[in-house]
Amino acid sequence: MHSNDADKPSSNTTIILRKKLEESGEKERLRKNLRAQLIKCGWRDDMKELAKDIIRSRGVTRATVDEIVSELLPRGRASVPSHVKNSLYQQVRTFAQQR
Protein backbone atom coordinates (compact mmCIF):
# COMPACT_ATOMS: atom_id res chain seq x y z
CA MET A 1 0.00 0.00 0.00
CA HIS A 2 1.90 3.00 -1.31
CA SER A 3 0.91 6.61 -0.90
CA ASN A 4 1.97 9.55 -2.96
CA ASP A 5 4.42 12.17 -1.74
CA ALA A 6 1.61 14.54 -0.74
CA ASP A 7 0.44 11.99 1.85
CA LYS A 8 3.89 11.54 3.39
CA PRO A 9 4.69 13.49 6.54
CA SER A 10 7.57 15.93 6.44
CA SER A 11 10.84 14.84 7.98
CA ASN A 12 10.25 17.30 10.83
CA THR A 13 6.84 15.75 11.51
CA THR A 14 8.42 12.30 11.48
CA ILE A 15 11.09 13.40 13.97
CA ILE A 16 8.46 14.85 16.30
CA LEU A 17 6.31 11.71 16.03
CA ARG A 18 9.27 9.46 16.81
CA LYS A 19 10.13 11.59 19.85
CA LYS A 20 6.55 11.48 21.15
CA LEU A 21 6.36 7.71 20.59
CA GLU A 22 9.58 7.27 22.57
CA GLU A 23 8.69 9.67 25.39
CA SER A 24 5.20 8.23 25.91
CA GLY A 25 6.35 4.62 25.99
CA GLU A 26 4.14 3.89 22.98
CA LYS A 27 7.15 2.88 20.88
CA GLU A 28 7.95 0.01 23.25
CA ARG A 29 4.30 -1.06 23.37
CA LEU A 30 4.17 -1.06 19.55
CA ARG A 31 7.42 -3.01 19.38
CA LYS A 32 6.08 -5.69 21.75
CA ASN A 33 2.82 -5.90 19.83
CA LEU A 34 4.68 -6.20 16.51
CA ARG A 35 6.91 -8.94 17.88
CA ALA A 36 3.89 -10.88 19.15
CA GLN A 37 2.14 -10.59 15.76
CA LEU A 38 5.26 -11.73 13.89
CA ILE A 39 5.64 -14.74 16.17
CA LYS A 40 1.93 -15.60 15.90
CA CYS A 41 1.92 -15.57 12.08
CA GLY A 42 5.09 -17.69 11.86
CA TRP A 43 7.31 -14.97 10.38
CA ARG A 44 9.91 -15.30 13.14
CA ASP A 45 10.24 -19.05 12.63
CA ASP A 46 10.54 -18.52 8.88
CA MET A 47 13.38 -16.04 9.45
CA LYS A 48 15.15 -18.47 11.79
CA GLU A 49 14.98 -21.17 9.12
CA LEU A 50 16.21 -18.78 6.47
CA ALA A 51 19.17 -17.80 8.68
CA LYS A 52 19.99 -21.48 9.20
CA ASP A 53 19.82 -22.06 5.44
CA ILE A 54 22.17 -19.13 4.81
CA ILE A 55 24.65 -20.49 7.36
CA ARG A 56 24.46 -23.99 5.89
CA SER A 57 25.01 -22.74 2.34
CA ARG A 58 28.03 -20.64 3.28
CA GLY A 59 29.45 -23.01 5.84
CA VAL A 60 29.34 -22.51 9.59
CA THR A 61 32.93 -21.32 9.80
CA ARG A 62 32.73 -19.01 6.78
CA ALA A 63 29.37 -17.29 7.36
CA THR A 64 29.87 -13.91 9.01
CA VAL A 65 27.19 -12.10 10.97
CA ASP A 66 27.35 -9.19 8.51
CA GLU A 67 26.78 -11.52 5.54
CA ILE A 68 23.86 -13.22 7.24
CA VAL A 69 22.26 -9.91 8.19
CA SER A 70 22.79 -8.39 4.73
CA GLU A 71 20.99 -11.32 3.12
CA LEU A 72 18.33 -11.78 5.79
CA LEU A 73 17.30 -8.15 6.34
CA PRO A 74 15.81 -7.30 2.92
CA ARG A 75 14.10 -10.68 2.66
CA GLY A 76 12.73 -10.33 6.18
CA ARG A 77 11.35 -6.86 5.55
CA ALA A 78 9.78 -7.93 2.27
CA SER A 79 8.11 -10.95 3.86
CA VAL A 80 6.31 -9.20 6.73
CA PRO A 81 2.63 -9.98 6.08
CA SER A 82 0.51 -7.06 4.85
CA HIS A 83 -1.97 -7.43 7.70
CA VAL A 84 0.86 -7.00 10.23
CA LYS A 85 2.20 -3.89 8.47
CA ASN A 86 -1.27 -2.40 8.13
CA SER A 87 -2.00 -3.01 11.80
CA LEU A 88 1.21 -1.24 12.83
CA TYR A 89 0.56 1.69 10.46
CA GLN A 90 -2.95 2.07 11.82
CA GLN A 91 -1.75 2.07 15.43
CA VAL A 92 0.83 4.76 14.63
CA ARG A 93 -1.78 6.84 12.76
CA THR A 94 -4.17 6.58 15.70
CA PHE A 95 -1.44 7.64 18.12
CA ALA A 96 -0.51 10.61 15.90
CA GLN A 97 -4.13 11.74 15.58
CA GLN A 98 -4.60 11.65 19.35
CA ARG A 99 -1.62 13.92 19.90
C-alpha atoms as a PDB file:
ATOM      1  CA  MET A   1       0.000   0.000   0.000  1.00  0.00           C
ATOM      2  CA  HIS A   2       1.904   2.995  -1.307  1.00  0.00           C
ATOM      3  CA  SER A   3       0.906   6.607  -0.895  1.00  0.00           C
ATOM      4  CA  ASN A   4       1.968   9.548  -2.957  1.00  0.00           C
ATOM      5  CA  ASP A   5       4.417  12.170  -1.740  1.00  0.00           C
ATOM      6  CA  ALA A   6       1.610  14.538  -0.742  1.00  0.00           C
ATOM      7  CA  ASP A   7       0.444  11.990   1.847  1.00  0.00           C
ATOM      8  CA  LYS A   8       3.891  11.545   3.385  1.00  0.00           C
ATOM      9  CA  PRO A   9       4.685  13.492   6.539  1.00  0.00           C
ATOM     10  CA  SER A  10       7.568  15.928   6.437  1.00  0.00           C
ATOM     11  CA  SER A  11      10.844  14.843   7.982  1.00  0.00           C
ATOM     12  CA  ASN A  12      10.251  17.302  10.827  1.00  0.00           C
ATOM     13  CA  THR A  13       6.843  15.755  11.514  1.00  0.00           C
ATOM     14  CA  THR A  14       8.418  12.304  11.481  1.00  0.00           C
ATOM     15  CA  ILE A  15      11.091  13.397  13.969  1.00  0.00           C
ATOM     16  CA  ILE A  16       8.459  14.849  16.295  1.00  0.00           C
ATOM     17  CA  LEU A  17       6.308  11.715  16.034  1.00  0.00           C
ATOM     18  CA  ARG A  18       9.266   9.459  16.807  1.00  0.00           C
ATOM     19  CA  LYS A  19      10.128  11.588  19.848  1.00  0.00           C
ATOM     20  CA  LYS A  20       6.552  11.478  21.147  1.00  0.00           C
ATOM     21  CA  LEU A  21       6.360   7.711  20.590  1.00  0.00           C
ATOM     22  CA  GLU A  22       9.575   7.267  22.566  1.00  0.00           C
ATOM     23  CA  GLU A  23       8.691   9.671  25.391  1.00  0.00           C
ATOM     24  CA  SER A  24       5.205   8.231  25.911  1.00  0.00           C
ATOM     25  CA  GLY A  25       6.349   4.619  25.990  1.00  0.00           C
ATOM     26  CA  GLU A  26       4.142   3.894  22.982  1.00  0.00           C
ATOM     27  CA  LYS A  27       7.148   2.878  20.880  1.00  0.00           C
ATOM     28  CA  GLU A  28       7.955   0.014  23.246  1.00  0.00           C
ATOM     29  CA  ARG A  29       4.304  -1.060  23.371  1.00  0.00           C
ATOM     30  CA  LEU A  30       4.166  -1.058  19.546  1.00  0.00           C
ATOM     31  CA  ARG A  31       7.421  -3.010  19.384  1.00  0.00           C
ATOM     32  CA  LYS A  32       6.075  -5.692  21.747  1.00  0.00           C
ATOM     33  CA  ASN A  33       2.817  -5.902  19.826  1.00  0.00           C
ATOM     34  CA  LEU A  34       4.678  -6.203  16.507  1.00  0.00           C
ATOM     35  CA  ARG A  35       6.912  -8.936  17.884  1.00  0.00           C
ATOM     36  CA  ALA A  36       3.895 -10.881  19.149  1.00  0.00           C
ATOM     37  CA  GLN A  37       2.137 -10.590  15.764  1.00  0.00           C
ATOM     38  CA  LEU A  38       5.263 -11.726  13.892  1.00  0.00           C
ATOM     39  CA  ILE A  39       5.640 -14.738  16.174  1.00  0.00           C
ATOM     40  CA  LYS A  40       1.933 -15.602  15.898  1.00  0.00           C
ATOM     41  CA  CYS A  41       1.924 -15.570  12.080  1.00  0.00           C
ATOM     42  CA  GLY A  42       5.091 -17.694  11.856  1.00  0.00           C
ATOM     43  CA  TRP A  43       7.313 -14.971  10.378  1.00  0.00           C
ATOM     44  CA  ARG A  44       9.907 -15.302  13.143  1.00  0.00           C
ATOM     45  CA  ASP A  45      10.235 -19.051  12.635  1.00  0.00           C
ATOM     46  CA  ASP A  46      10.537 -18.517   8.882  1.00  0.00           C
ATOM     47  CA  MET A  47      13.382 -16.042   9.454  1.00  0.00           C
ATOM     48  CA  LYS A  48      15.148 -18.471  11.791  1.00  0.00           C
ATOM     49  CA  GLU A  49      14.981 -21.175   9.124  1.00  0.00           C
ATOM     50  CA  LEU A  50      16.212 -18.775   6.474  1.00  0.00           C
ATOM     51  CA  ALA A  51      19.169 -17.796   8.684  1.00  0.00           C
ATOM     52  CA  LYS A  52      19.992 -21.475   9.198  1.00  0.00           C
ATOM     53  CA  ASP A  53      19.825 -22.056   5.435  1.00  0.00           C
ATOM     54  CA  ILE A  54      22.174 -19.129   4.807  1.00  0.00           C
ATOM     55  CA  ILE A  55      24.653 -20.491   7.359  1.00  0.00           C
ATOM     56  CA  ARG A  56      24.455 -23.990   5.894  1.00  0.00           C
ATOM     57  CA  SER A  57      25.006 -22.743   2.341  1.00  0.00           C
ATOM     58  CA  ARG A  58      28.034 -20.635   3.283  1.00  0.00           C
ATOM     59  CA  GLY A  59      29.446 -23.005   5.842  1.00  0.00           C
ATOM     60  CA  VAL A  60      29.335 -22.513   9.593  1.00  0.00           C
ATOM     61  CA  THR A  61      32.928 -21.315   9.804  1.00  0.00           C
ATOM     62  CA  ARG A  62      32.729 -19.012   6.776  1.00  0.00           C
ATOM     63  CA  ALA A  63      29.371 -17.286   7.365  1.00  0.00           C
ATOM     64  CA  THR A  64      29.872 -13.911   9.012  1.00  0.00           C
ATOM     65  CA  VAL A  65      27.189 -12.100  10.974  1.00  0.00           C
ATOM     66  CA  ASP A  66      27.351  -9.188   8.509  1.00  0.00           C
ATOM     67  CA  GLU A  67      26.779 -11.517   5.541  1.00  0.00           C
ATOM     68  CA  ILE A  68      23.862 -13.222   7.237  1.00  0.00           C
ATOM     69  CA  VAL A  69      22.261  -9.914   8.188  1.00  0.00           C
ATOM     70  CA  SER A  70      22.787  -8.389   4.731  1.00  0.00           C
ATOM     71  CA  GLU A  71      20.989 -11.324   3.119  1.00  0.00           C
ATOM     72  CA  LEU A  72      18.330 -11.779   5.791  1.00  0.00           C
ATOM     73  CA  LEU A  73      17.304  -8.146   6.336  1.00  0.00           C
ATOM     74  CA  PRO A  74      15.814  -7.302   2.918  1.00  0.00           C
ATOM     75  CA  ARG A  75      14.102 -10.676   2.660  1.00  0.00           C
ATOM     76  CA  GLY A  76      12.733 -10.332   6.178  1.00  0.00           C
ATOM     77  CA  ARG A  77      11.347  -6.863   5.552  1.00  0.00           C
ATOM     78  CA  ALA A  78       9.784  -7.934   2.268  1.00  0.00           C
ATOM     79  CA  SER A  79       8.110 -10.950   3.856  1.00  0.00           C
ATOM     80  CA  VAL A  80       6.307  -9.200   6.730  1.00  0.00           C
ATOM     81  CA  PRO A  81       2.633  -9.980   6.080  1.00  0.00           C
ATOM     82  CA  SER A  82       0.512  -7.061   4.854  1.00  0.00           C
ATOM     83  CA  HIS A  83      -1.965  -7.431   7.699  1.00  0.00           C
ATOM     84  CA  VAL A  84       0.855  -6.998  10.230  1.00  0.00           C
ATOM     85  CA  LYS A  85       2.203  -3.885   8.467  1.00  0.00           C
ATOM     86  CA  ASN A  86      -1.273  -2.400   8.134  1.00  0.00           C
ATOM     87  CA  SER A  87      -1.998  -3.010  11.801  1.00  0.00           C
ATOM     88  CA  LEU A  88       1.211  -1.240  12.832  1.00  0.00           C
ATOM     89  CA  TYR A  89       0.557   1.692  10.461  1.00  0.00           C
ATOM     90  CA  GLN A  90      -2.952   2.068  11.820  1.00  0.00           C
ATOM     91  CA  GLN A  91      -1.751   2.067  15.427  1.00  0.00           C
ATOM     92  CA  VAL A  92       0.830   4.765  14.632  1.00  0.00           C
ATOM     93  CA  ARG A  93      -1.780   6.836  12.765  1.00  0.00           C
ATOM     94  CA  THR A  94      -4.173   6.576  15.697  1.00  0.00           C
ATOM     95  CA  PHE A  95      -1.436   7.643  18.116  1.00  0.00           C
ATOM     96  CA  ALA A  96      -0.507  10.612  15.900  1.00  0.00           C
ATOM     97  CA  GLN A  97      -4.129  11.742  15.581  1.00  0.00           C
ATOM     98  CA  GLN A  98      -4.600  11.649  19.347  1.00  0.00           C
ATOM     99  CA  ARG A  99      -1.618  13.921  19.898  1.00  0.00           C
END
